[in-house]
Amino acid sequence: MMHNTIIGFGSIFHKQAIDGIENTSNAHFLGAHELFYAGRYAIKYVIHGILEHQHINAIWIPNYYCPFVKNWLEQEFESITYYDIDPFDATSKIDWSLFTANDIVIANNYWGLKEHQIPNGERPIVIEDHSHGWLSKGCMDSQADFCIASLRKTLPIPLGGIAWKPVKSKCSIPLKPLEKNNIAIETNPMLQSWALIDSAMETKATCNKEEEKSVFLQQYSQGEVLLRNTQEIVPLLAEHETVIRNALFKDFNAYKKTHLAYILQAIHPSQAFKIINEESKTPFGLLLAFKERELFKDFKQFLITHMIYPAELWPQNNIAQDYKFLVNIHIDFRYNTKDLEFMADTINRWTLQRSSLQIE
């Protein structure tokens, strides 16, 4: 059982051998593709490539999106605007009538559960973001013009992103090869960021003391700050590309699928949240959506108190839908059935506690 009283469950990946994990049987959906240190560089690269071929009036981003990427893109492009779509309903559709043929639309494959229907005829250029759905059905069957993903959400690697043209893309604009500009190692911010996060993953793998926990959390935070503050696209070092490619097509979703089925049958029904799932698809993790911020915060703190460290996907988003706040509980390849039982039992105890308070 991986759980101990120091590192708990969730948060960043720790270093772990993945050689025994099988590759997916479908790796043929990629057309031309390029690897990056992060998904945000992939978006930037694709957009700049489009701008070399076509005038663009507006770049449309969904209202519900990673706030750091929103801010990062707003610093890079002046024509950012937003459209509404329900992130917690896999059947919700993009209103394509909002856009012109001289727009770019970033369509998010929310939690690996969405499959966007790209319209025929005159339409905007579509870039799909599969950061929380790498190797999902929507990712591998994409008909978008271009796709991108932040790979480190799914793969146990320090940094990583990808841009590609799906084999089903009908766009005439090419994804040009990334120029391998040499940047001095001592001034390479991505080399520093990779080293810090890689060290954090190493430290977490053997962490047995609170002081070590503080070390890997600080290292990770420092690596994130470097990433967040770097606008320039830095080409991958060869050794980093090797690490990413070694993990690229590993079928980590097979573990999530099995683990989700196991934990769903163990979780008691709750009026406090709804479980985000879609039949025949594998979501990013155990996704619980809340209507009320205070209830969401209470649940999240309860998990943290019990050494379960969920991800909030995402803060700083104001949307019109009833459900507005999402917790992701990691149920990936790191965990076994005893770990999942602990997670389910903790969730059930919170639900029971909330029910008792309401009765009183």
Protein backbone atom coordinates (compact mmCIF):
# COMPACT_ATOMS: atom_id res chain seq x y z
CA MET A 1 0.00 0.00 0.00
CA MET A 2 1.55 3.24 -1.13
CA HIS A 3 -0.16 5.37 1.48
CA ASN A 4 1.81 6.56 4.45
CA THR A 5 1.34 9.36 6.89
CA ILE A 6 3.80 11.60 5.06
CA ILE A 7 3.02 11.74 1.34
CA GLY A 8 -0.60 10.55 1.41
CA PHE A 9 -2.50 10.32 -1.88
CA GLY A 10 -2.53 12.58 -4.92
CA SER A 11 -0.52 15.71 -5.63
CA ILE A 12 2.50 15.40 -7.94
CA PHE A 13 3.73 12.10 -9.32
CA HIS A 14 6.64 10.45 -7.57
CA LYS A 15 9.37 8.64 -9.48
CA GLN A 16 8.21 5.15 -10.34
CA ALA A 17 9.23 2.54 -12.92
CA ILE A 18 6.82 2.40 -15.87
CA ASP A 19 8.58 -0.13 -18.12
CA GLY A 20 6.00 -2.77 -17.21
CA ILE A 21 3.06 -0.65 -18.35
CA GLU A 22 1.85 -1.61 -21.82
CA ASN A 23 1.50 0.84 -24.68
CA THR A 24 -1.89 1.66 -26.12
CA SER A 25 -2.88 -0.31 -29.20
CA ASN A 26 -3.83 2.88 -31.09
CA ALA A 27 -0.90 5.24 -31.62
CA HIS A 28 -1.77 6.10 -35.21
CA PHE A 29 -3.95 9.18 -34.61
CA LEU A 30 -0.98 11.56 -34.68
CA GLY A 31 -0.05 13.27 -37.90
CA ALA A 32 2.80 15.76 -37.80
CA HIS A 33 3.65 16.52 -34.18
CA GLU A 34 6.10 18.39 -31.97
CA LEU A 35 7.01 17.96 -28.30
CA PHE A 36 7.43 20.85 -25.85
CA TYR A 37 8.13 21.46 -22.20
CA ALA A 38 4.47 22.33 -21.53
CA GLY A 39 1.08 22.44 -23.18
CA ARG A 40 0.99 26.24 -23.15
CA TYR A 41 4.02 26.34 -25.46
CA ALA A 42 2.22 23.94 -27.78
CA ILE A 43 -0.79 26.29 -27.96
CA LYS A 44 1.44 29.28 -28.59
CA TYR A 45 3.38 27.47 -31.30
CA VAL A 46 0.24 26.33 -33.12
CA ILE A 47 -1.38 29.79 -32.98
CA HIS A 48 1.73 31.53 -34.28
CA GLY A 49 1.94 28.97 -37.07
CA ILE A 50 -1.66 29.72 -38.05
CA LEU A 51 -1.00 33.48 -37.97
CA GLU A 52 1.76 33.02 -40.55
CA HIS A 53 -0.87 31.76 -43.01
CA GLN A 54 -4.09 33.54 -42.12
CA HIS A 55 -5.36 36.78 -40.58
CA ILE A 56 -7.21 36.04 -37.34
CA ASN A 57 -9.83 38.33 -35.79
CA ALA A 58 -10.23 36.62 -32.42
CA ILE A 59 -8.91 33.69 -30.42
CA TRP A 60 -11.79 32.12 -28.49
CA ILE A 61 -11.19 30.26 -25.24
CA PRO A 62 -13.84 28.53 -23.10
CA ASN A 63 -14.84 30.46 -19.97
CA TYR A 64 -14.00 27.43 -17.84
CA TYR A 65 -10.28 26.94 -18.39
CA CYS A 66 -6.99 26.84 -16.50
CA PRO A 67 -6.52 30.37 -15.07
CA PHE A 68 -2.73 30.26 -15.43
CA VAL A 69 -3.02 29.40 -19.12
CA LYS A 70 -5.67 32.10 -19.56
CA ASN A 71 -3.36 34.72 -18.08
CA TRP A 72 -0.36 33.38 -20.01
CA LEU A 73 -2.22 33.54 -23.34
CA GLU A 74 -3.58 37.02 -22.59
CA GLN A 75 0.01 38.19 -22.17
CA GLU A 76 0.93 36.69 -25.54
CA PHE A 77 -2.09 37.57 -27.70
CA GLU A 78 -4.27 40.70 -27.78
CA SER A 79 -7.33 39.14 -29.37
CA ILE A 80 -8.37 36.67 -26.63
CA THR A 81 -12.12 36.41 -26.01
CA TYR A 82 -14.32 33.85 -24.24
CA TYR A 83 -17.31 31.63 -24.97
CA ASP A 84 -19.55 29.57 -22.70
CA ILE A 85 -19.90 25.79 -22.54
CA ASP A 86 -20.84 23.48 -19.67
CA PRO A 87 -17.63 21.73 -18.51
CA PHE A 88 -19.56 19.20 -16.45
CA ASP A 89 -21.88 17.91 -19.18
CA ALA A 90 -20.13 15.75 -21.76
CA THR A 91 -23.08 16.16 -24.15
CA SER A 92 -23.04 19.98 -24.20
CA LYS A 93 -22.23 21.47 -27.59
CA ILE A 94 -20.21 24.47 -28.72
CA ASP A 95 -22.34 27.18 -30.33
CA TRP A 96 -20.40 27.50 -33.58
CA SER A 97 -22.58 30.42 -34.72
CA LEU A 98 -20.58 32.67 -32.38
CA PHE A 99 -17.49 32.48 -34.57
CA THR A 100 -16.29 33.54 -38.02
CA ALA A 101 -14.01 31.81 -40.49
CA ASN A 102 -11.25 34.21 -39.38
CA ASP A 103 -11.35 33.08 -35.76
CA ILE A 104 -9.48 30.44 -33.80
CA VAL A 105 -11.49 28.38 -31.31
CA ILE A 106 -9.80 26.41 -28.55
CA ALA A 107 -12.15 23.52 -27.71
CA ASN A 108 -11.43 21.66 -24.49
CA ASN A 109 -11.85 17.91 -24.15
CA TYR A 110 -13.10 18.30 -20.59
CA TRP A 111 -11.77 15.50 -18.38
CA GLY A 112 -11.37 13.14 -21.36
CA LEU A 113 -15.16 12.80 -21.72
CA LYS A 114 -15.89 15.14 -24.64
CA GLU A 115 -15.96 14.48 -28.36
CA HIS A 116 -16.46 17.73 -30.25
CA GLN A 117 -18.35 17.63 -33.53
CA ILE A 118 -16.48 19.90 -35.93
CA PRO A 119 -18.90 21.53 -38.42
CA ASN A 120 -18.48 21.31 -42.17
CA GLY A 121 -18.31 24.29 -44.51
CA GLU A 122 -17.15 27.75 -43.51
CA ARG A 123 -15.99 27.68 -39.90
CA PRO A 124 -13.22 28.84 -37.56
CA ILE A 125 -9.90 27.05 -37.16
CA VAL A 126 -10.27 24.60 -34.27
CA ILE A 127 -7.54 23.68 -31.78
CA GLU A 128 -8.56 20.97 -29.34
CA ASP A 129 -6.97 20.78 -25.89
CA HIS A 130 -6.64 17.20 -24.63
CA SER A 131 -4.60 17.97 -21.51
CA HIS A 132 -7.03 16.07 -19.26
CA GLY A 133 -7.87 13.52 -21.93
CA TRP A 134 -4.61 12.33 -23.44
CA LEU A 135 -5.28 9.02 -25.24
CA SER A 136 -9.02 9.34 -24.61
CA LYS A 137 -11.48 8.50 -27.40
CA GLY A 138 -12.01 12.19 -28.13
CA CYS A 139 -8.26 12.65 -28.43
CA MET A 140 -7.61 9.71 -30.72
CA ASP A 141 -10.69 10.28 -32.92
CA SER A 142 -10.26 14.06 -33.18
CA GLN A 143 -11.22 15.80 -36.42
CA ALA A 144 -9.91 19.18 -35.24
CA ASP A 145 -7.47 21.17 -37.33
CA PHE A 146 -4.81 20.97 -34.61
CA CYS A 147 -4.57 19.44 -31.15
CA ILE A 148 -2.45 20.11 -28.09
CA ALA A 149 -2.00 18.56 -24.65
CA SER A 150 -0.10 19.11 -21.47
CA LEU A 151 1.36 15.64 -21.04
CA ARG A 152 2.51 15.89 -17.43
CA LYS A 153 -1.12 15.77 -16.26
CA THR A 154 -1.23 12.10 -17.30
CA LEU A 155 2.38 10.96 -17.68
CA PRO A 156 4.75 10.70 -14.67
CA ILE A 157 7.28 13.13 -16.15
CA PRO A 158 8.60 16.45 -14.83
CA LEU A 159 7.44 18.53 -17.82
CA GLY A 160 5.93 17.83 -21.21
CA GLY A 161 3.53 19.04 -23.86
CA ILE A 162 2.60 18.13 -27.41
CA ALA A 163 1.08 19.73 -30.50
CA TRP A 164 -0.15 17.66 -33.44
CA LYS A 165 -2.25 17.57 -36.56
CA PRO A 166 -4.72 14.70 -36.27
CA VAL A 167 -4.66 12.29 -39.19
CA LYS A 168 -8.32 13.29 -39.74
CA SER A 169 -7.50 17.01 -39.95
CA LYS A 170 -8.59 18.68 -43.19
CA CYS A 171 -6.67 21.90 -42.54
CA SER A 172 -4.24 22.98 -45.26
CA ILE A 173 -2.05 24.91 -42.81
CA PRO A 174 0.96 22.77 -41.87
CA LEU A 175 2.40 22.16 -38.42
CA LYS A 176 5.92 23.26 -39.25
CA PRO A 177 8.92 21.59 -37.60
CA LEU A 178 10.16 23.33 -34.46
CA GLU A 179 13.52 25.01 -34.92
CA LYS A 180 16.07 23.61 -32.49
CA ASN A 181 17.64 26.86 -31.33
CA ASN A 182 20.51 26.39 -28.92
CA ILE A 183 20.08 28.07 -25.55
CA ALA A 184 22.94 28.12 -23.09
CA ILE A 185 22.35 25.47 -20.45
CA GLU A 186 23.19 27.83 -17.59
CA THR A 187 20.48 30.28 -18.71
CA ASN A 188 17.91 27.70 -19.83
CA PRO A 189 14.85 28.19 -17.58
CA MET A 190 13.24 24.93 -18.70
CA LEU A 191 16.36 22.96 -17.84
CA GLN A 192 16.20 24.47 -14.35
CA SER A 193 12.47 23.85 -14.08
CA TRP A 194 12.84 20.23 -15.22
CA ALA A 195 15.68 19.62 -12.76
CA LEU A 196 13.71 21.04 -9.85
CA ILE A 197 10.54 19.06 -10.57
CA ASP A 198 12.51 15.90 -11.35
CA SER A 199 14.27 16.26 -8.01
CA ALA A 200 10.91 16.78 -6.29
CA MET A 201 9.63 13.54 -7.83
CA GLU A 202 12.77 11.70 -6.69
CA THR A 203 12.47 13.06 -3.16
CA LYS A 204 8.77 12.19 -2.95
CA ALA A 205 9.47 8.59 -4.02
CA THR A 206 11.56 7.96 -0.88
CA CYS A 207 9.99 10.53 1.45
CA ASN A 208 9.67 9.35 5.05
CA LYS A 209 10.03 12.59 6.99
CA GLU A 210 8.05 15.81 7.17
CA GLU A 211 11.23 17.76 6.38
CA GLU A 212 11.60 15.80 3.12
CA LYS A 213 7.99 16.56 2.27
CA SER A 214 8.67 20.26 2.68
CA VAL A 215 11.70 19.88 0.40
CA PHE A 216 9.89 18.25 -2.51
CA LEU A 217 6.96 20.67 -2.25
CA GLN A 218 9.35 23.63 -2.33
CA GLN A 219 11.29 22.19 -5.27
CA TYR A 220 8.10 21.60 -7.19
CA SER A 221 6.84 25.11 -6.47
CA GLN A 222 10.10 26.65 -7.65
CA GLY A 223 9.95 24.64 -10.88
CA GLU A 224 6.36 25.78 -11.45
CA VAL A 225 7.26 29.44 -10.96
CA LEU A 226 10.00 29.17 -13.59
CA LEU A 227 7.55 27.57 -16.00
CA ARG A 228 4.85 30.15 -15.34
CA ASN A 229 7.22 33.05 -15.91
CA THR A 230 8.76 31.77 -19.16
CA GLN A 231 6.99 32.96 -22.30
CA GLU A 232 9.69 31.84 -24.74
CA ILE A 233 9.36 28.45 -26.43
CA VAL A 234 12.48 26.55 -25.39
CA PRO A 235 13.27 23.46 -27.51
CA LEU A 236 13.55 20.17 -25.64
CA LEU A 237 16.92 18.77 -24.74
CA ALA A 238 17.44 15.38 -26.37
CA GLU A 239 17.52 13.53 -23.03
CA HIS A 240 14.25 15.15 -21.95
CA GLU A 241 12.59 14.23 -25.23
CA THR A 242 13.65 10.61 -24.66
CA VAL A 243 11.97 10.59 -21.24
CA ILE A 244 8.73 11.96 -22.69
CA ARG A 245 8.66 9.60 -25.68
CA ASN A 246 9.26 6.60 -23.42
CA ALA A 247 6.02 7.40 -21.57
CA LEU A 248 4.03 8.92 -24.44
CA PHE A 249 1.85 5.96 -25.43
CA LYS A 250 1.76 4.07 -22.13
CA ASP A 251 -1.82 3.06 -21.40
CA PHE A 252 -2.23 4.77 -18.04
CA ASN A 253 -5.96 5.10 -18.77
CA ALA A 254 -6.40 1.34 -18.36
CA TYR A 255 -5.59 1.74 -14.66
CA LYS A 256 -7.99 4.67 -14.30
CA LYS A 257 -10.79 2.71 -15.95
CA THR A 258 -10.38 -0.24 -13.57
CA HIS A 259 -9.91 1.95 -10.51
CA LEU A 260 -12.92 4.13 -11.32
CA ALA A 261 -15.22 1.12 -11.64
CA TYR A 262 -13.95 -0.13 -8.28
CA ILE A 263 -14.32 3.13 -6.38
CA LEU A 264 -17.70 4.08 -7.85
CA GLN A 265 -19.32 0.97 -6.42
CA ALA A 266 -17.89 1.87 -3.00
CA ILE A 267 -18.99 5.54 -2.82
CA HIS A 268 -22.34 6.25 -1.18
CA PRO A 269 -24.81 8.55 -2.96
CA SER A 270 -24.55 12.18 -1.87
CA GLN A 271 -26.72 15.24 -2.47
CA ALA A 272 -23.66 17.44 -1.92
CA PHE A 273 -21.93 16.63 -5.20
CA LYS A 274 -22.41 14.90 -8.52
CA ILE A 275 -19.95 12.47 -10.04
CA ILE A 276 -18.79 13.50 -13.50
CA ASN A 277 -18.60 10.44 -15.71
CA GLU A 278 -19.74 9.19 -19.09
CA GLU A 279 -20.60 5.63 -19.99
CA SER A 280 -17.95 3.83 -22.08
CA LYS A 281 -15.37 6.57 -21.49
CA THR A 282 -12.54 6.94 -18.98
CA PRO A 283 -12.35 10.27 -17.15
CA PHE A 284 -9.19 11.98 -15.95
CA GLY A 285 -9.86 10.82 -12.39
CA LEU A 286 -12.65 10.65 -9.82
CA LEU A 287 -14.42 13.94 -10.59
CA LEU A 288 -16.85 15.44 -8.10
CA ALA A 289 -18.68 18.68 -8.95
CA PHE A 290 -20.23 21.05 -6.41
CA LYS A 291 -22.72 23.90 -6.65
CA GLU A 292 -21.60 25.76 -3.53
CA ARG A 293 -18.10 27.07 -2.90
CA GLU A 294 -18.27 26.64 0.88
CA LEU A 295 -19.36 23.02 0.61
CA PHE A 296 -16.62 22.41 -1.94
CA LYS A 297 -14.00 23.96 0.37
CA ASP A 298 -15.24 21.91 3.34
CA PHE A 299 -14.97 18.68 1.35
CA LYS A 300 -11.54 19.53 -0.01
CA GLN A 301 -10.22 20.38 3.46
CA PHE A 302 -11.65 17.16 4.86
CA LEU A 303 -9.73 15.18 2.23
CA ILE A 304 -6.51 17.08 2.93
CA THR A 305 -6.90 16.48 6.66
CA HIS A 306 -7.00 12.77 5.83
CA MET A 307 -3.91 12.93 3.61
CA ILE A 308 -5.78 12.91 0.29
CA TYR A 309 -4.58 15.78 -1.89
CA PRO A 310 -7.08 16.52 -4.66
CA ALA A 311 -6.76 18.95 -7.54
CA GLU A 312 -9.19 21.84 -8.01
CA LEU A 313 -10.01 22.03 -11.72
CA TRP A 314 -9.98 24.96 -11.87
CA PRO A 315 -10.07 27.94 -9.50
CA GLN A 316 -10.91 31.50 -10.59
CA ASN A 317 -13.62 30.53 -13.06
CA ASN A 318 -17.06 32.16 -13.06
CA ILE A 319 -19.65 30.24 -15.08
CA ALA A 320 -23.42 30.34 -15.43
CA GLN A 321 -24.05 26.63 -14.80
CA ASP A 322 -25.45 25.27 -11.52
CA TYR A 323 -22.34 23.22 -10.84
CA LYS A 324 -19.31 25.49 -10.67
CA PHE A 325 -16.54 23.80 -8.65
CA LEU A 326 -14.68 20.57 -9.43
CA VAL A 327 -12.48 18.30 -7.35
CA ASN A 328 -10.35 15.65 -9.03
CA ILE A 329 -9.17 12.77 -6.85
CA HIS A 330 -6.27 10.93 -8.42
CA ILE A 331 -6.97 7.21 -9.04
CA ASP A 332 -4.10 6.50 -11.42
CA PHE A 333 -1.54 3.69 -11.68
CA ARG A 334 0.10 4.66 -8.38
CA TYR A 335 -2.71 3.12 -6.35
CA ASN A 336 -4.15 -0.30 -5.49
CA THR A 337 -7.53 -1.50 -4.19
CA LYS A 338 -6.66 -0.83 -0.54
CA ASP A 339 -5.77 2.74 -1.45
CA LEU A 340 -9.08 3.11 -3.30
CA GLU A 341 -10.96 1.68 -0.32
CA PHE A 342 -9.34 4.30 1.90
CA MET A 343 -10.35 7.08 -0.50
CA ALA A 344 -13.95 5.83 -0.76
CA ASP A 345 -14.24 5.41 3.00
CA THR A 346 -12.97 8.97 3.55
CA ILE A 347 -15.49 10.39 1.07
CA ASN A 348 -18.30 8.39 2.68
CA ARG A 349 -17.37 9.64 6.14
CA TRP A 350 -17.60 13.24 4.92
CA THR A 351 -21.00 12.55 3.32
CA LEU A 352 -22.26 10.96 6.54
CA GLN A 353 -20.91 13.87 8.59
CA ARG A 354 -22.68 16.39 6.34
CA SER A 355 -25.94 14.41 6.55
CA SER A 356 -25.73 14.39 10.35
CA LEU A 357 -25.21 18.15 10.44
CA GLN A 358 -28.23 18.72 8.22
CA ILE A 359 -30.43 16.52 10.42
CA GLU A 360 -29.36 18.47 13.51
